[in-house]
Amino acid sequence: MNSNDTWRHRLYVIIFQTDTIAGRRFDTSLLLIIFASLVVVILDSIDDVHQNYASLLAYIEWGFTVIFLGEYILRLYCSPKPLRYAFSFYGLVDLLAILPGILALYYSDAQYLLIIRVIRMLRIFRVLKLGPYLKQAHYLLDALRGSKQKILVFLLSVCTLVTVFGTLMYVVEGPQHGFTSIPKGIYWAIVTLTTVGYGDIVPKTALGQVISSMVMITGYSIIAVPTGIFTAELATAMRGGQLNHDCPVCAKDNHETEASFCSRCGNALFRKME
């Protein structure tokens, strides 16, 4: 391995790997820079701050753009497969992190690019690949997968309820009381069922108020259902993760709760001591 390959390998370890001291320091520094760039975006959206400090904020934004551009080039340089990285999810997010600053050269008013600059927040997910966070993320993903079908059935039931209630209120109240269409009635049902209650459309008739009361009570009854489903699945996922230790031979985790042998290498698993 020549000196150039050695340098690229060192860069790869620092930039892409999070299980080393240098990699953790790099990711921590990157996280701070991302947060700082988001603070600048937030401040730039305030009209008074933008008018008084537009030039200063523009220079700071350019500084962040140069940093992100340098990081992007280094990632392309040290990546074993640059094209694969460039077209990956994180590669595209990294590219979006530098585009606003470059486009601002050609468009003096780049306020509409704020949403693209906020996408930099997605880069935090790269930093959260650090070991301690990754295992917790597995628990959340497992809970989401386990509760997906139950939550979909629940959402379908809620959609049916708001359609029925919205149509009923359209028939009972009518356009003279603000319920000008069935979609408008469905909108009212969603706002009422979720206990938001904007108050822009309210029932006037006695029957409409009775129906409204039923919708409110129903909303309080079902609003905690998806939370309960997800919490139960999360508890199951975490309990399974505590029972089964990572394989001591190949380090594979996320085994089945009652697994006795590793599904990758066949080694016998042992359970953690309580």
C-alpha atoms as a PDB file:
ATOM      1  CA  MET A   1       0.000   0.000   0.000  1.00  0.00           C
ATOM      2  CA  ASN A   2       1.550   3.306  -1.111  1.00  0.00           C
ATOM      3  CA  SER A   3       1.409   6.556   0.856  1.00  0.00           C
ATOM      4  CA  ASN A   4      -1.573   7.836  -1.147  1.00  0.00           C
ATOM      5  CA  ASP A   5      -3.630   4.729  -0.370  1.00  0.00           C
ATOM      6  CA  THR A   6      -2.615   4.952   3.286  1.00  0.00           C
ATOM      7  CA  TRP A   7      -3.791   8.578   3.438  1.00  0.00           C
ATOM      8  CA  ARG A   8      -7.097   7.707   1.788  1.00  0.00           C
ATOM      9  CA  HIS A   9      -7.624   4.827   4.206  1.00  0.00           C
ATOM     10  CA  ARG A  10      -6.967   7.093   7.203  1.00  0.00           C
ATOM     11  CA  LEU A  11      -9.442   9.626   5.839  1.00  0.00           C
ATOM     12  CA  TYR A  12     -11.995   6.877   5.293  1.00  0.00           C
ATOM     13  CA  VAL A  13     -11.650   5.693   8.891  1.00  0.00           C
ATOM     14  CA  ILE A  14     -12.066   9.233  10.235  1.00  0.00           C
ATOM     15  CA  ILE A  15     -14.962  10.291   7.995  1.00  0.00           C
ATOM     16  CA  PHE A  16     -17.009   7.118   7.520  1.00  0.00           C
ATOM     17  CA  GLN A  17     -16.348   4.995  10.607  1.00  0.00           C
ATOM     18  CA  THR A  18     -17.884   5.982  13.931  1.00  0.00           C
ATOM     19  CA  ASP A  19     -16.337   3.323  16.157  1.00  0.00           C
ATOM     20  CA  THR A  20     -12.969   5.090  16.431  1.00  0.00           C
ATOM     21  CA  ILE A  21     -11.925   8.054  18.565  1.00  0.00           C
ATOM     22  CA  ALA A  22     -11.103  10.147  15.489  1.00  0.00           C
ATOM     23  CA  GLY A  23     -14.392   9.179  13.845  1.00  0.00           C
ATOM     24  CA  ARG A  24     -16.417  10.158  16.916  1.00  0.00           C
ATOM     25  CA  ARG A  25     -14.611  13.486  17.147  1.00  0.00           C
ATOM     26  CA  PHE A  26     -15.265  14.161  13.473  1.00  0.00           C
ATOM     27  CA  ASP A  27     -18.959  13.332  13.819  1.00  0.00           C
ATOM     28  CA  THR A  28     -19.293  15.452  16.955  1.00  0.00           C
ATOM     29  CA  SER A  29     -17.693  18.425  15.198  1.00  0.00           C
ATOM     30  CA  LEU A  30     -19.934  17.877  12.188  1.00  0.00           C
ATOM     31  CA  LEU A  31     -23.004  17.786  14.436  1.00  0.00           C
ATOM     32  CA  LEU A  32     -22.070  21.134  16.000  1.00  0.00           C
ATOM     33  CA  ILE A  33     -21.544  22.694  12.570  1.00  0.00           C
ATOM     34  CA  ILE A  34     -24.923  21.408  11.359  1.00  0.00           C
ATOM     35  CA  PHE A  35     -26.673  22.879  14.399  1.00  0.00           C
ATOM     36  CA  ALA A  36     -24.865  26.184  13.909  1.00  0.00           C
ATOM     37  CA  SER A  37     -25.935  26.322  10.248  1.00  0.00           C
ATOM     38  CA  LEU A  38     -29.536  25.665  11.279  1.00  0.00           C
ATOM     39  CA  VAL A  39     -29.382  28.513  13.796  1.00  0.00           C
ATOM     40  CA  VAL A  40     -28.267  30.812  10.967  1.00  0.00           C
ATOM     41  CA  VAL A  41     -31.175  29.619   8.812  1.00  0.00           C
ATOM     42  CA  ILE A  42     -33.638  30.294  11.647  1.00  0.00           C
ATOM     43  CA  LEU A  43     -32.222  33.767  12.287  1.00  0.00           C
ATOM     44  CA  ASP A  44     -32.243  34.570   8.572  1.00  0.00           C
ATOM     45  CA  SER A  45     -35.990  33.859   8.445  1.00  0.00           C
ATOM     46  CA  ILE A  46     -36.663  36.709  10.933  1.00  0.00           C
ATOM     47  CA  ASP A  47     -37.383  39.826   8.876  1.00  0.00           C
ATOM     48  CA  ASP A  48     -35.652  42.339  11.197  1.00  0.00           C
ATOM     49  CA  VAL A  49     -32.534  40.186  11.505  1.00  0.00           C
ATOM     50  CA  HIS A  50     -32.452  39.587   7.745  1.00  0.00           C
ATOM     51  CA  GLN A  51     -32.689  43.302   6.965  1.00  0.00           C
ATOM     52  CA  ASN A  52     -30.018  44.371   9.461  1.00  0.00           C
ATOM     53  CA  TYR A  53     -27.558  41.488   9.164  1.00  0.00           C
ATOM     54  CA  ALA A  54     -28.157  40.086   5.684  1.00  0.00           C
ATOM     55  CA  SER A  55     -24.532  40.569   4.603  1.00  0.00           C
ATOM     56  CA  LEU A  56     -23.075  39.017   7.751  1.00  0.00           C
ATOM     57  CA  LEU A  57     -25.426  36.037   7.558  1.00  0.00           C
ATOM     58  CA  ALA A  58     -24.544  35.603   3.887  1.00  0.00           C
ATOM     59  CA  TYR A  59     -20.826  35.426   4.729  1.00  0.00           C
ATOM     60  CA  ILE A  60     -21.496  32.937   7.533  1.00  0.00           C
ATOM     61  CA  GLU A  61     -23.622  30.862   5.179  1.00  0.00           C
ATOM     62  CA  TRP A  62     -20.796  30.871   2.674  1.00  0.00           C
ATOM     63  CA  GLY A  63     -18.439  29.646   5.383  1.00  0.00           C
ATOM     64  CA  PHE A  64     -20.717  26.712   6.121  1.00  0.00           C
ATOM     65  CA  THR A  65     -21.038  26.013   2.396  1.00  0.00           C
ATOM     66  CA  VAL A  66     -17.253  25.868   2.002  1.00  0.00           C
ATOM     67  CA  ILE A  67     -16.982  23.485   4.968  1.00  0.00           C
ATOM     68  CA  PHE A  68     -19.726  21.186   3.653  1.00  0.00           C
ATOM     69  CA  LEU A  69     -18.261  21.311   0.138  1.00  0.00           C
ATOM     70  CA  GLY A  70     -14.835  20.339   1.445  1.00  0.00           C
ATOM     71  CA  GLU A  71     -16.342  17.479   3.434  1.00  0.00           C
ATOM     72  CA  TYR A  72     -18.306  16.286   0.388  1.00  0.00           C
ATOM     73  CA  ILE A  73     -15.171  16.286  -1.782  1.00  0.00           C
ATOM     74  CA  LEU A  74     -13.234  14.390   0.897  1.00  0.00           C
ATOM     75  CA  ARG A  75     -15.992  11.782   1.109  1.00  0.00           C
ATOM     76  CA  LEU A  76     -15.868  11.300  -2.654  1.00  0.00           C
ATOM     77  CA  TYR A  77     -12.072  11.103  -2.555  1.00  0.00           C
ATOM     78  CA  CYS A  78     -11.722   8.488   0.171  1.00  0.00           C
ATOM     79  CA  SER A  79     -14.840   6.440  -0.614  1.00  0.00           C
ATOM     80  CA  PRO A  80     -14.024   3.039  -2.194  1.00  0.00           C
ATOM     81  CA  LYS A  81     -17.023   3.521  -4.527  1.00  0.00           C
ATOM     82  CA  PRO A  82     -17.501   7.267  -5.084  1.00  0.00           C
ATOM     83  CA  LEU A  83     -20.464   6.956  -7.451  1.00  0.00           C
ATOM     84  CA  ARG A  84     -22.299   4.637  -5.091  1.00  0.00           C
ATOM     85  CA  TYR A  85     -21.822   7.153  -2.285  1.00  0.00           C
ATOM     86  CA  ALA A  86     -22.827  10.112  -4.487  1.00  0.00           C
ATOM     87  CA  PHE A  87     -26.177   8.510  -5.395  1.00  0.00           C
ATOM     88  CA  SER A  88     -26.890   7.090  -1.943  1.00  0.00           C
ATOM     89  CA  PHE A  89     -29.365   8.706   0.442  1.00  0.00           C
ATOM     90  CA  TYR A  90     -26.657  10.309   2.566  1.00  0.00           C
ATOM     91  CA  GLY A  91     -24.721  11.358  -0.528  1.00  0.00           C
ATOM     92  CA  LEU A  92     -27.738  13.212  -1.910  1.00  0.00           C
ATOM     93  CA  VAL A  93     -28.392  14.840   1.471  1.00  0.00           C
ATOM     94  CA  ASP A  94     -24.745  15.938   1.604  1.00  0.00           C
ATOM     95  CA  LEU A  95     -25.129  17.446  -1.866  1.00  0.00           C
ATOM     96  CA  LEU A  96     -28.294  19.294  -0.833  1.00  0.00           C
ATOM     97  CA  ALA A  97     -26.349  20.742   2.097  1.00  0.00           C
ATOM     98  CA  ILE A  98     -24.100  22.714  -0.265  1.00  0.00           C
ATOM     99  CA  LEU A  99     -26.496  23.565  -3.107  1.00  0.00           C
ATOM    100  CA  PRO A 100     -28.206  26.584  -1.435  1.00  0.00           C
ATOM    101  CA  GLY A 101     -24.921  28.445  -1.013  1.00  0.00           C
ATOM    102  CA  ILE A 102     -23.893  27.768  -4.595  1.00  0.00           C
ATOM    103  CA  LEU A 103     -27.286  28.746  -6.034  1.00  0.00           C
ATOM    104  CA  ALA A 104     -27.210  31.957  -4.006  1.00  0.00           C
ATOM    105  CA  LEU A 105     -24.414  33.130  -6.325  1.00  0.00           C
ATOM    106  CA  TYR A 106     -26.878  33.288  -9.215  1.00  0.00           C
ATOM    107  CA  TYR A 107     -29.980  34.367  -7.299  1.00  0.00           C
ATOM    108  CA  SER A 108     -29.635  37.391  -5.038  1.00  0.00           C
ATOM    109  CA  ASP A 109     -32.790  36.608  -3.065  1.00  0.00           C
ATOM    110  CA  ALA A 110     -32.407  33.014  -1.928  1.00  0.00           C
ATOM    111  CA  GLN A 111     -35.057  33.083   0.798  1.00  0.00           C
ATOM    112  CA  TYR A 112     -37.004  30.360  -0.999  1.00  0.00           C
ATOM    113  CA  LEU A 113     -33.975  28.093  -0.533  1.00  0.00           C
ATOM    114  CA  LEU A 114     -34.559  28.050   3.235  1.00  0.00           C
ATOM    115  CA  ILE A 115     -36.386  24.729   3.022  1.00  0.00           C
ATOM    116  CA  ILE A 116     -33.411  23.161   1.213  1.00  0.00           C
ATOM    117  CA  ARG A 117     -31.044  24.511   3.835  1.00  0.00           C
ATOM    118  CA  VAL A 118     -33.179  23.043   6.602  1.00  0.00           C
ATOM    119  CA  ILE A 119     -32.737  19.635   4.907  1.00  0.00           C
ATOM    120  CA  ARG A 120     -29.247  19.743   6.398  1.00  0.00           C
ATOM    121  CA  MET A 121     -31.000  18.557   9.550  1.00  0.00           C
ATOM    122  CA  LEU A 122     -31.200  15.134   7.884  1.00  0.00           C
ATOM    123  CA  ARG A 123     -27.431  14.910   8.123  1.00  0.00           C
ATOM    124  CA  ILE A 124     -27.837  14.419  11.852  1.00  0.00           C
ATOM    125  CA  PHE A 125     -29.023  10.884  11.066  1.00  0.00           C
ATOM    126  CA  ARG A 126     -25.524  10.162   9.767  1.00  0.00           C
ATOM    127  CA  VAL A 127     -24.051  11.205  13.100  1.00  0.00           C
ATOM    128  CA  LEU A 128     -26.654   9.147  14.960  1.00  0.00           C
ATOM    129  CA  LYS A 129     -25.125   6.026  13.451  1.00  0.00           C
ATOM    130  CA  LEU A 130     -22.847   6.077  16.470  1.00  0.00           C
ATOM    131  CA  GLY A 131     -22.991   2.792  18.319  1.00  0.00           C
ATOM    132  CA  PRO A 132     -25.020   3.791  21.403  1.00  0.00           C
ATOM    133  CA  TYR A 133     -27.676   5.466  19.259  1.00  0.00           C
ATOM    134  CA  LEU A 134     -27.778   2.758  16.618  1.00  0.00           C
ATOM    135  CA  LYS A 135     -28.940   0.056  19.000  1.00  0.00           C
ATOM    136  CA  GLN A 136     -31.714   2.274  20.366  1.00  0.00           C
ATOM    137  CA  ALA A 137     -32.750   3.069  16.799  1.00  0.00           C
ATOM    138  CA  HIS A 138     -33.083  -0.685  16.173  1.00  0.00           C
ATOM    139  CA  TYR A 139     -35.579  -0.896  19.012  1.00  0.00           C
ATOM    140  CA  LEU A 140     -37.668   1.900  17.498  1.00  0.00           C
ATOM    141  CA  LEU A 141     -37.554   0.342  14.018  1.00  0.00           C
ATOM    142  CA  ASP A 142     -38.535  -3.063  15.363  1.00  0.00           C
ATOM    143  CA  ALA A 143     -41.447  -1.494  17.255  1.00  0.00           C
ATOM    144  CA  LEU A 144     -42.573   0.380  14.136  1.00  0.00           C
ATOM    145  CA  ARG A 145     -42.452  -2.794  12.051  1.00  0.00           C
ATOM    146  CA  GLY A 146     -44.366  -4.755  14.680  1.00  0.00           C
ATOM    147  CA  SER A 147     -47.088  -2.120  15.069  1.00  0.00           C
ATOM    148  CA  LYS A 148     -47.399  -1.169  11.392  1.00  0.00           C
ATOM    149  CA  GLN A 149     -50.388  -3.360  10.574  1.00  0.00           C
ATOM    150  CA  LYS A 150     -52.245  -2.493  13.787  1.00  0.00           C
ATOM    151  CA  ILE A 151     -51.738   1.240  13.249  1.00  0.00           C
ATOM    152  CA  LEU A 152     -52.818   0.989   9.597  1.00  0.00           C
ATOM    153  CA  VAL A 153     -56.048  -0.734  10.664  1.00  0.00           C
ATOM    154  CA  PHE A 154     -56.553   1.944  13.313  1.00  0.00           C
ATOM    155  CA  LEU A 155     -55.998   4.768  10.788  1.00  0.00           C
ATOM    156  CA  LEU A 156     -58.411   3.133   8.348  1.00  0.00           C
ATOM    157  CA  SER A 157     -61.028   2.989  11.119  1.00  0.00           C
ATOM    158  CA  VAL A 158     -60.448   6.648  11.967  1.00  0.00           C
ATOM    159  CA  CYS A 159     -60.760   7.642   8.293  1.00  0.00           C
ATOM    160  CA  THR A 160     -64.069   5.794   8.149  1.00  0.00           C
ATOM    161  CA  LEU A 161     -65.309   7.532  11.310  1.00  0.00           C
ATOM    162  CA  VAL A 162     -64.424  11.055  10.152  1.00  0.00           C
ATOM    163  CA  THR A 163     -66.043  10.392   6.761  1.00  0.00           C
ATOM    164  CA  VAL A 164     -69.260   9.228   8.424  1.00  0.00           C
ATOM    165  CA  PHE A 165     -69.311  12.102  10.936  1.00  0.00           C
ATOM    166  CA  GLY A 166     -68.386  14.671   8.301  1.00  0.00           C
ATOM    167  CA  THR A 167     -71.116  13.514   5.941  1.00  0.00           C
ATOM    168  CA  LEU A 168     -73.629  13.440   8.795  1.00  0.00           C
ATOM    169  CA  MET A 169     -72.825  17.005   9.818  1.00  0.00           C
ATOM    170  CA  TYR A 170     -73.116  18.158   6.201  1.00  0.00           C
ATOM    171  CA  VAL A 171     -76.624  16.714   6.086  1.00  0.00           C
ATOM    172  CA  VAL A 172     -77.653  18.028   9.524  1.00  0.00           C
ATOM    173  CA  GLU A 173     -76.082  21.510   9.482  1.00  0.00           C
ATOM    174  CA  GLY A 174     -75.937  22.332   5.781  1.00  0.00           C
ATOM    175  CA  PRO A 175     -74.195  25.189   3.915  1.00  0.00           C
ATOM    176  CA  GLN A 176     -75.992  27.884   5.927  1.00  0.00           C
ATOM    177  CA  HIS A 177     -73.924  26.930   8.990  1.00  0.00           C
ATOM    178  CA  GLY A 178     -70.586  26.652   7.207  1.00  0.00           C
ATOM    179  CA  PHE A 179     -70.742  22.984   6.207  1.00  0.00           C
ATOM    180  CA  THR A 180     -70.689  23.780   2.493  1.00  0.00           C
ATOM    181  CA  SER A 181     -69.537  20.335   1.330  1.00  0.00           C
ATOM    182  CA  ILE A 182     -68.734  16.844   2.558  1.00  0.00           C
ATOM    183  CA  PRO A 183     -64.945  17.528   2.485  1.00  0.00           C
ATOM    184  CA  LYS A 184     -65.613  20.577   4.669  1.00  0.00           C
ATOM    185  CA  GLY A 185     -67.549  18.343   7.064  1.00  0.00           C
ATOM    186  CA  ILE A 186     -64.707  15.798   7.081  1.00  0.00           C
ATOM    187  CA  TYR A 187     -62.261  18.612   7.874  1.00  0.00           C
ATOM    188  CA  TRP A 188     -64.441  19.622  10.835  1.00  0.00           C
ATOM    189  CA  ALA A 189     -64.644  15.998  11.999  1.00  0.00           C
ATOM    190  CA  ILE A 190     -60.843  15.621  11.890  1.00  0.00           C
ATOM    191  CA  VAL A 191     -60.305  18.862  13.829  1.00  0.00           C
ATOM    192  CA  THR A 192     -62.909  17.860  16.421  1.00  0.00           C
ATOM    193  CA  LEU A 193     -61.893  14.197  16.722  1.00  0.00           C
ATOM    194  CA  THR A 194     -58.255  15.135  17.333  1.00  0.00           C
ATOM    195  CA  THR A 195     -59.412  17.618  20.027  1.00  0.00           C
ATOM    196  CA  VAL A 196     -57.713  20.503  18.207  1.00  0.00           C
ATOM    197  CA  GLY A 197     -60.875  22.580  17.872  1.00  0.00           C
ATOM    198  CA  TYR A 198     -60.003  25.588  15.706  1.00  0.00           C
ATOM    199  CA  GLY A 199     -63.536  26.935  16.029  1.00  0.00           C
ATOM    200  CA  ASP A 200     -63.748  28.173  12.441  1.00  0.00           C
ATOM    201  CA  ILE A 201     -66.775  25.892  11.844  1.00  0.00           C
ATOM    202  CA  VAL A 202     -69.199  25.143  14.676  1.00  0.00           C
ATOM    203  CA  PRO A 203     -72.576  23.378  14.729  1.00  0.00           C
ATOM    204  CA  LYS A 204     -75.608  25.597  15.341  1.00  0.00           C
ATOM    205  CA  THR A 205     -78.465  23.112  15.590  1.00  0.00           C
ATOM    206  CA  ALA A 206     -79.223  21.013  18.647  1.00  0.00           C
ATOM    207  CA  LEU A 207     -78.748  17.745  16.748  1.00  0.00           C
ATOM    208  CA  GLY A 208     -75.435  18.994  15.346  1.00  0.00           C
ATOM    209  CA  GLN A 209     -74.228  19.837  18.835  1.00  0.00           C
ATOM    210  CA  VAL A 210     -75.169  16.354  20.050  1.00  0.00           C
ATOM    211  CA  ILE A 211     -73.199  14.804  17.194  1.00  0.00           C
ATOM    212  CA  SER A 212     -70.314  17.152  17.975  1.00  0.00           C
ATOM    213  CA  SER A 213     -70.300  15.972  21.596  1.00  0.00           C
ATOM    214  CA  MET A 214     -70.196  12.350  20.432  1.00  0.00           C
ATOM    215  CA  VAL A 215     -67.235  13.128  18.164  1.00  0.00           C
ATOM    216  CA  MET A 216     -65.361  14.805  21.034  1.00  0.00           C
ATOM    217  CA  ILE A 217     -65.934  11.877  23.398  1.00  0.00           C
ATOM    218  CA  THR A 218     -64.886   9.452  20.656  1.00  0.00           C
ATOM    219  CA  GLY A 219     -61.748  11.499  20.089  1.00  0.00           C
ATOM    220  CA  TYR A 220     -60.714  11.247  23.741  1.00  0.00           C
ATOM    221  CA  SER A 221     -61.428   7.527  23.651  1.00  0.00           C
ATOM    222  CA  ILE A 222     -59.247   6.675  20.664  1.00  0.00           C
ATOM    223  CA  ILE A 223     -56.496   9.302  20.678  1.00  0.00           C
ATOM    224  CA  ALA A 224     -54.231   7.154  22.885  1.00  0.00           C
ATOM    225  CA  VAL A 225     -54.706   3.947  20.877  1.00  0.00           C
ATOM    226  CA  PRO A 226     -51.708   4.298  18.489  1.00  0.00           C
ATOM    227  CA  THR A 227     -49.482   5.367  21.390  1.00  0.00           C
ATOM    228  CA  GLY A 228     -50.466   2.276  23.335  1.00  0.00           C
ATOM    229  CA  ILE A 229     -49.853   0.004  20.343  1.00  0.00           C
ATOM    230  CA  PHE A 230     -46.406   1.446  19.700  1.00  0.00           C
ATOM    231  CA  THR A 231     -45.464   1.424  23.395  1.00  0.00           C
ATOM    232  CA  ALA A 232     -46.388  -2.254  23.719  1.00  0.00           C
ATOM    233  CA  GLU A 233     -44.322  -3.173  20.658  1.00  0.00           C
ATOM    234  CA  LEU A 234     -41.399  -1.057  21.896  1.00  0.00           C
ATOM    235  CA  ALA A 235     -41.464  -2.805  25.276  1.00  0.00           C
ATOM    236  CA  THR A 236     -41.469  -6.174  23.515  1.00  0.00           C
ATOM    237  CA  ALA A 237     -38.541  -5.169  21.296  1.00  0.00           C
ATOM    238  CA  MET A 238     -36.482  -3.896  24.229  1.00  0.00           C
ATOM    239  CA  ARG A 239     -37.288  -6.957  26.325  1.00  0.00           C
ATOM    240  CA  GLY A 240     -36.120  -9.196  23.483  1.00  0.00           C
ATOM    241  CA  GLY A 241     -32.939  -7.173  23.106  1.00  0.00           C
ATOM    242  CA  GLN A 242     -32.160  -7.550  26.800  1.00  0.00           C
ATOM    243  CA  LEU A 243     -32.740 -11.300  26.832  1.00  0.00           C
ATOM    244  CA  ASN A 244     -30.499 -12.212  23.941  1.00  0.00           C
ATOM    245  CA  HIS A 245     -26.870 -11.214  24.020  1.00  0.00           C
ATOM    246  CA  ASP A 246     -24.973 -10.379  20.857  1.00  0.00           C
ATOM    247  CA  CYS A 247     -23.197 -13.383  19.401  1.00  0.00           C
ATOM    248  CA  PRO A 248     -19.726 -13.566  21.045  1.00  0.00           C
ATOM    249  CA  VAL A 249     -18.217 -14.965  17.825  1.00  0.00           C
ATOM    250  CA  CYS A 250     -19.595 -12.862  14.933  1.00  0.00           C
ATOM    251  CA  ALA A 251     -21.204 -10.054  17.039  1.00  0.00           C
ATOM    252  CA  LYS A 252     -24.583 -10.364  15.277  1.00  0.00           C
ATOM    253  CA  ASP A 253     -27.415  -8.864  17.319  1.00  0.00           C
ATOM    254  CA  ASN A 254     -31.219  -8.756  17.070  1.00  0.00           C
ATOM    255  CA  HIS A 255     -31.761 -12.499  17.472  1.00  0.00           C
ATOM    256  CA  GLU A 256     -35.180 -13.953  18.072  1.00  0.00           C
ATOM    257  CA  THR A 257     -36.288 -13.862  21.710  1.00  0.00           C
ATOM    258  CA  GLU A 258     -36.074 -17.649  22.183  1.00  0.00           C
ATOM    259  CA  ALA A 259     -33.053 -18.210  19.928  1.00  0.00           C
ATOM    260  CA  SER A 260     -30.393 -20.518  21.370  1.00  0.00           C
ATOM    261  CA  PHE A 261     -27.969 -20.394  18.440  1.00  0.00           C
ATOM    262  CA  CYS A 262     -26.722 -17.579  16.229  1.00  0.00           C
ATOM    263  CA  SER A 263     -28.496 -17.482  12.847  1.00  0.00           C
ATOM    264  CA  ARG A 264     -25.292 -16.325  11.146  1.00  0.00           C
ATOM    265  CA  CYS A 265     -22.504 -18.531  12.490  1.00  0.00           C
ATOM    266  CA  GLY A 266     -24.374 -21.166  14.503  1.00  0.00           C
ATOM    267  CA  ASN A 267     -22.572 -20.393  17.755  1.00  0.00           C
ATOM    268  CA  ALA A 268     -24.479 -20.999  20.994  1.00  0.00           C
ATOM    269  CA  LEU A 269     -25.914 -17.801  22.483  1.00  0.00           C
ATOM    270  CA  PHE A 270     -25.821 -17.023  26.162  1.00  0.00           C
ATOM    271  CA  ARG A 271     -28.151 -14.756  28.068  1.00  0.00           C
ATOM    272  CA  LYS A 272     -27.192 -11.637  29.948  1.00  0.00           C
ATOM    273  CA  MET A 273     -27.073 -11.874  33.701  1.00  0.00           C
ATOM    274  CA  GLU A 274     -29.689  -9.717  35.407  1.00  0.00           C
END
